[in-house]
Amino acid sequence: MEIKNRIAVVTGAASGIGRAVCENLADHGVKTIGMVDMNEEVTAAADTINRTFNKKVAVPFTGNTTDSEFRSKVYDTLDREHGTVSICVPCAGITRDALAVKIDKETGKSIIYPEEKFRFVIEVNLLAPIYWAMEMVARIAEDRARKGLRQWRPEERVQGTVIFIGSVSSQGNKGQISYATTKAGLEGAAATLTKEAIYHGVRCGVIHPGYTDTPMVRALGEEFIKKNILQYTQLGRLITTEEIADAIRFMISNSAVSGELWADAGWHPAPA
């Protein structure tokens, strides 16, 4: 898939992997990137990218990615002012880590992971990315219908690509019952959407980053990172956001790559 002059949308774009993806796509000729984030810092991030590349490639949108009206507004604006979105990388995600079940030492009663937290993580990490992806597929399908096109044919070249952000935690990770569930869920969503969306010429894949140098990982604390991450990683360091972004751009541009890509730097969890 030729990514030059394409229109992209990236959520969680103010920092971390999302921002690195925006910078990488801009560097490789994407025409317009809708940078989406709840954090108003996304505007400054977009300004920085535009100054770096001396052109208005980044367009910031501030809002809640779980809000369907906001999602539609972003796509409507990009469609109207720039063209049909054909690259979607929904990076926005959260963690709310805690053991699934633990015993209160004072009362002897069990404490179960709060259901409301679980639902919130599912909403942000699983439902929102899937619907941002399906919105793009729907827009491409409508655009093709307007042109009188039906089932996609290989000679047309790929029409669009979705890359979901999974995680090594999808294999199971102590203290991450909600986060790991959502990341594993994206595998099923991608596998299903791949079978359906290719009718309209859209590919779908999942990248599973290992522990990456992002604010989310740094929030775990240096001691935790040193004790529980670095010594189980072949590289002996955190992965850079630029490395993950480069892998995502590779997945977008190389149409022979399908399914899942593990960018984990050789990390394996400590034995139980």
Protein backbone atom coordinates (compact mmCIF):
# COMPACT_ATOMS: atom_id res chain seq x y z
CA MET A 1 0.00 0.00 0.00
CA GLU A 2 1.43 3.34 -1.07
CA ILE A 3 1.12 5.66 1.93
CA LYS A 4 2.15 8.90 0.23
CA ASN A 5 -0.68 11.42 -0.02
CA ARG A 6 -3.00 9.23 2.09
CA ILE A 7 -5.27 10.54 4.84
CA ALA A 8 -4.71 8.99 8.28
CA VAL A 9 -6.33 9.12 11.70
CA VAL A 10 -4.38 8.29 14.86
CA THR A 11 -5.89 8.28 18.35
CA GLY A 12 -3.86 8.73 21.51
CA ALA A 13 -1.74 11.05 19.37
CA ALA A 14 -0.56 13.57 21.97
CA SER A 15 2.25 11.37 23.27
CA GLY A 16 3.81 7.92 23.31
CA ILE A 17 3.32 5.51 20.43
CA GLY A 18 0.51 7.58 18.92
CA ARG A 19 2.64 10.68 18.54
CA ALA A 20 5.57 8.65 17.19
CA VAL A 21 3.28 7.09 14.58
CA CYS A 22 2.16 10.56 13.46
CA GLU A 23 5.76 11.73 13.11
CA ASN A 24 6.72 8.60 11.17
CA LEU A 25 3.78 8.85 8.78
CA ALA A 26 4.44 12.55 8.18
CA ASP A 27 8.08 11.73 7.41
CA HIS A 28 6.96 9.16 4.82
CA GLY A 29 4.67 11.44 2.88
CA VAL A 30 1.19 11.02 4.34
CA LYS A 31 -0.85 14.02 3.20
CA THR A 32 -2.96 14.61 6.31
CA ILE A 33 -3.03 13.07 9.79
CA GLY A 34 -5.99 13.57 12.09
CA MET A 35 -4.32 13.60 15.52
CA VAL A 36 -6.90 12.65 18.14
CA ASP A 37 -6.51 12.81 21.92
CA MET A 38 -8.38 13.75 25.11
CA ASN A 39 -5.35 15.76 26.17
CA GLU A 40 -5.27 19.30 24.80
CA GLU A 41 -1.52 18.86 24.35
CA VAL A 42 -2.41 17.22 21.03
CA THR A 43 -2.63 20.74 19.56
CA ALA A 44 0.96 21.51 20.54
CA ALA A 45 2.06 18.11 19.24
CA ALA A 46 0.41 18.81 15.88
CA ASP A 47 2.01 22.28 15.71
CA THR A 48 5.43 20.74 16.35
CA ILE A 49 4.97 18.20 13.55
CA ASN A 50 3.79 20.90 11.14
CA ARG A 51 6.80 23.07 11.94
CA THR A 52 9.18 20.13 11.64
CA PHE A 53 7.96 19.22 8.16
CA ASN A 54 7.22 22.80 7.12
CA LYS A 55 3.68 21.99 6.00
CA LYS A 56 0.24 21.52 7.52
CA VAL A 57 0.14 17.75 7.67
CA ALA A 58 -1.19 17.32 11.24
CA VAL A 59 -4.74 18.35 12.20
CA PRO A 60 -5.52 18.14 15.96
CA PHE A 61 -8.83 17.00 17.44
CA THR A 62 -9.46 17.09 21.18
CA GLY A 63 -12.14 14.81 22.57
CA ASN A 64 -13.11 11.48 24.08
CA THR A 65 -12.41 8.57 21.74
CA THR A 66 -15.29 6.59 23.28
CA ASP A 67 -17.78 9.27 22.15
CA SER A 68 -19.44 8.16 18.90
CA GLU A 69 -20.53 11.71 18.00
CA PHE A 70 -16.97 12.97 18.41
CA ARG A 71 -15.69 10.09 16.26
CA SER A 72 -18.16 10.92 13.49
CA LYS A 73 -17.21 14.61 13.68
CA VAL A 74 -13.51 13.79 13.21
CA TYR A 75 -14.20 11.64 10.16
CA ASP A 76 -16.68 14.15 8.73
CA THR A 77 -14.13 16.96 9.03
CA LEU A 78 -11.32 14.95 7.45
CA ASP A 79 -13.58 13.69 4.66
CA ARG A 80 -14.86 17.17 3.86
CA GLU A 81 -11.58 19.06 4.06
CA HIS A 82 -8.96 16.49 3.06
CA GLY A 83 -10.44 13.29 1.62
CA THR A 84 -11.41 9.77 2.63
CA VAL A 85 -9.39 8.36 5.52
CA SER A 86 -7.52 5.22 4.48
CA ILE A 87 -5.12 4.66 7.41
CA CYS A 88 -6.40 4.13 10.94
CA VAL A 89 -4.12 3.52 13.94
CA PRO A 90 -6.17 3.72 17.16
CA CYS A 91 -3.47 4.04 19.85
CA ALA A 92 -5.47 5.51 22.74
CA GLY A 93 -5.42 3.20 25.74
CA ILE A 94 -5.42 3.07 29.54
CA THR A 95 -4.43 0.74 32.35
CA ARG A 96 -6.21 0.18 35.64
CA ASP A 97 -4.01 -2.54 37.10
CA ALA A 98 -4.88 -4.67 40.12
CA LEU A 99 -5.09 -8.35 40.97
CA ALA A 100 -8.27 -10.11 39.85
CA VAL A 101 -8.86 -11.42 43.38
CA LYS A 102 -6.97 -10.75 46.60
CA ILE A 103 -7.59 -11.20 50.32
CA ASP A 104 -7.88 -8.25 52.67
CA LYS A 105 -5.37 -9.04 55.42
CA GLU A 106 -7.43 -7.29 58.08
CA THR A 107 -10.89 -8.70 57.32
CA GLY A 108 -9.99 -11.96 55.59
CA LYS A 109 -12.54 -11.14 52.92
CA SER A 110 -11.80 -11.37 49.22
CA ILE A 111 -11.58 -8.25 47.06
CA ILE A 112 -12.65 -8.72 43.46
CA TYR A 113 -11.44 -6.39 40.73
CA PRO A 114 -14.11 -3.65 40.40
CA GLU A 115 -16.55 -4.27 37.59
CA GLU A 116 -16.87 -0.56 36.80
CA LYS A 117 -13.10 -0.34 36.20
CA PHE A 118 -13.22 -3.38 33.96
CA ARG A 119 -16.03 -1.87 31.88
CA PHE A 120 -14.14 1.43 31.59
CA VAL A 121 -10.97 -0.26 30.32
CA ILE A 122 -13.02 -2.29 27.83
CA GLU A 123 -14.70 0.89 26.60
CA VAL A 124 -11.41 2.70 25.99
CA ASN A 125 -9.10 -0.13 24.92
CA LEU A 126 -11.42 -2.48 23.03
CA LEU A 127 -14.70 -0.94 21.91
CA ALA A 128 -13.33 2.47 20.91
CA PRO A 129 -10.49 1.16 18.68
CA ILE A 130 -12.83 -1.27 16.94
CA TYR A 131 -15.37 1.46 16.19
CA TRP A 132 -12.73 3.91 14.96
CA ALA A 133 -11.63 1.16 12.58
CA MET A 134 -15.14 0.25 11.45
CA GLU A 135 -15.91 3.92 10.85
CA MET A 136 -13.04 4.08 8.37
CA VAL A 137 -14.14 0.87 6.65
CA ALA A 138 -17.67 2.27 6.37
CA ARG A 139 -16.45 5.52 4.81
CA ILE A 140 -14.32 3.64 2.27
CA ALA A 141 -17.27 1.35 1.46
CA GLU A 142 -19.55 4.36 0.90
CA ASP A 143 -16.94 6.07 -1.28
CA ARG A 144 -16.65 2.95 -3.42
CA ALA A 145 -20.43 2.66 -3.69
CA ARG A 146 -20.65 6.25 -4.94
CA LYS A 147 -18.17 5.34 -7.66
CA GLY A 148 -20.20 2.28 -8.65
CA LEU A 149 -17.61 -0.15 -7.29
CA ARG A 150 -18.59 -3.37 -5.56
CA GLN A 151 -16.28 -6.14 -4.37
CA TRP A 152 -12.64 -5.05 -4.29
CA ARG A 153 -10.24 -6.56 -6.83
CA PRO A 154 -6.44 -6.90 -6.36
CA GLU A 155 -5.70 -4.78 -9.43
CA GLU A 156 -7.27 -1.81 -7.63
CA ARG A 157 -4.50 -1.87 -5.00
CA VAL A 158 -5.23 -1.79 -1.29
CA GLN A 159 -7.83 0.81 -0.32
CA GLY A 160 -7.07 1.13 3.39
CA THR A 161 -5.32 -0.34 6.42
CA VAL A 162 -6.13 -0.61 10.11
CA ILE A 163 -3.43 -1.40 12.67
CA PHE A 164 -4.62 -2.12 16.20
CA ILE A 165 -2.27 -1.70 19.16
CA GLY A 166 -2.16 -4.97 21.08
CA SER A 167 0.35 -5.83 23.79
CA VAL A 168 2.52 -8.63 25.08
CA SER A 169 0.07 -8.59 27.98
CA SER A 170 -2.47 -10.27 25.68
CA GLN A 171 -0.67 -13.51 26.60
CA GLY A 172 -1.65 -12.91 30.21
CA ASN A 173 0.11 -10.72 32.74
CA LYS A 174 -0.24 -10.69 36.51
CA GLY A 175 -2.22 -7.70 37.75
CA GLN A 176 -3.66 -6.84 34.34
CA ILE A 177 -6.94 -8.74 34.15
CA SER A 178 -8.76 -5.91 32.34
CA TYR A 179 -5.88 -4.61 30.20
CA ALA A 180 -4.81 -8.09 29.05
CA THR A 181 -8.41 -9.01 28.19
CA THR A 182 -8.85 -5.96 25.97
CA LYS A 183 -5.59 -6.52 24.13
CA ALA A 184 -6.41 -10.17 23.51
CA GLY A 185 -9.86 -9.10 22.36
CA LEU A 186 -8.33 -6.94 19.63
CA GLU A 187 -6.86 -10.10 18.10
CA GLY A 188 -10.33 -11.53 17.55
CA ALA A 189 -11.66 -8.23 16.26
CA ALA A 190 -8.82 -7.88 13.77
CA ALA A 191 -9.15 -11.46 12.56
CA THR A 192 -12.88 -10.99 11.95
CA LEU A 193 -12.64 -7.52 10.45
CA THR A 194 -9.89 -8.73 8.11
CA LYS A 195 -12.24 -11.33 6.63
CA GLU A 196 -15.05 -8.80 6.18
CA ALA A 197 -13.25 -5.56 5.31
CA ILE A 198 -11.17 -7.00 2.48
CA TYR A 199 -14.44 -7.00 0.48
CA HIS A 200 -13.93 -3.23 0.39
CA GLY A 201 -10.15 -3.49 -0.03
CA VAL A 202 -9.22 -2.81 3.61
CA ARG A 203 -6.53 -4.78 5.46
CA CYS A 204 -6.35 -5.14 9.22
CA GLY A 205 -3.56 -6.20 11.57
CA VAL A 206 -2.38 -6.06 15.16
CA ILE A 207 1.02 -5.07 16.51
CA HIS A 208 1.92 -6.31 19.99
CA PRO A 209 4.49 -3.95 21.51
CA GLY A 210 6.59 -5.03 24.42
CA TYR A 211 7.39 -2.62 27.22
CA THR A 212 7.89 0.70 25.46
CA ASP A 213 9.29 3.95 26.81
CA THR A 214 5.97 5.77 27.20
CA PRO A 215 4.42 7.77 30.06
CA MET A 216 2.18 4.76 30.80
CA VAL A 217 5.17 2.45 31.33
CA ARG A 218 7.28 5.07 33.15
CA ALA A 219 4.40 5.46 35.61
CA LEU A 220 5.20 1.93 36.84
CA GLY A 221 8.32 3.35 38.49
CA GLU A 222 12.00 2.85 37.81
CA GLU A 223 12.37 0.14 40.44
CA PHE A 224 9.52 -1.93 38.97
CA ILE A 225 10.91 -1.51 35.45
CA LYS A 226 14.38 -2.61 36.53
CA LYS A 227 13.16 -5.58 38.58
CA ASN A 228 10.28 -6.89 36.47
CA ILE A 229 10.97 -5.80 32.90
CA LEU A 230 14.55 -5.09 31.88
CA GLN A 231 16.08 -8.31 33.15
CA TYR A 232 13.55 -10.33 31.13
CA THR A 233 14.16 -8.38 27.91
CA GLN A 234 16.85 -9.50 25.47
CA LEU A 235 17.78 -5.91 24.64
CA GLY A 236 18.07 -4.97 28.31
CA ARG A 237 16.17 -1.72 27.74
CA LEU A 238 12.73 -0.36 27.00
CA ILE A 239 11.68 -0.23 23.36
CA THR A 240 11.55 3.25 21.86
CA THR A 241 8.31 4.66 20.51
CA GLU A 242 10.13 5.31 17.23
CA GLU A 243 10.87 1.59 16.89
CA ILE A 244 7.20 0.71 17.35
CA ALA A 245 6.10 3.46 14.97
CA ASP A 246 8.50 2.21 12.31
CA ALA A 247 7.09 -1.32 12.68
CA ILE A 248 3.54 0.03 12.33
CA ARG A 249 4.43 1.95 9.19
CA PHE A 250 6.00 -1.25 7.80
CA MET A 251 2.76 -3.13 8.47
CA ILE A 252 0.78 -0.41 6.70
CA SER A 253 2.99 -0.14 3.63
CA ASN A 254 3.73 -3.83 3.06
CA SER A 255 0.48 -5.46 1.96
CA ALA A 256 1.98 -8.96 2.18
CA VAL A 257 2.18 -8.60 5.96
CA SER A 258 -0.97 -9.90 7.63
CA GLY A 259 -2.16 -10.97 11.06
CA GLU A 260 -0.05 -10.05 14.06
CA LEU A 261 3.44 -8.67 14.57
CA TRP A 262 5.25 -9.03 17.89
CA ALA A 263 7.57 -6.11 18.60
CA ASP A 264 8.52 -7.25 22.08
CA ALA A 265 12.32 -6.98 22.09
CA GLY A 266 12.47 -10.59 23.25
CA TRP A 267 10.61 -9.90 26.51
CA HIS A 268 9.15 -12.85 28.35
CA PRO A 269 7.35 -12.65 31.70
CA ALA A 270 9.07 -13.78 34.86
CA PRO A 271 8.21 -17.34 35.91
CA ALA A 272 5.31 -17.51 38.35
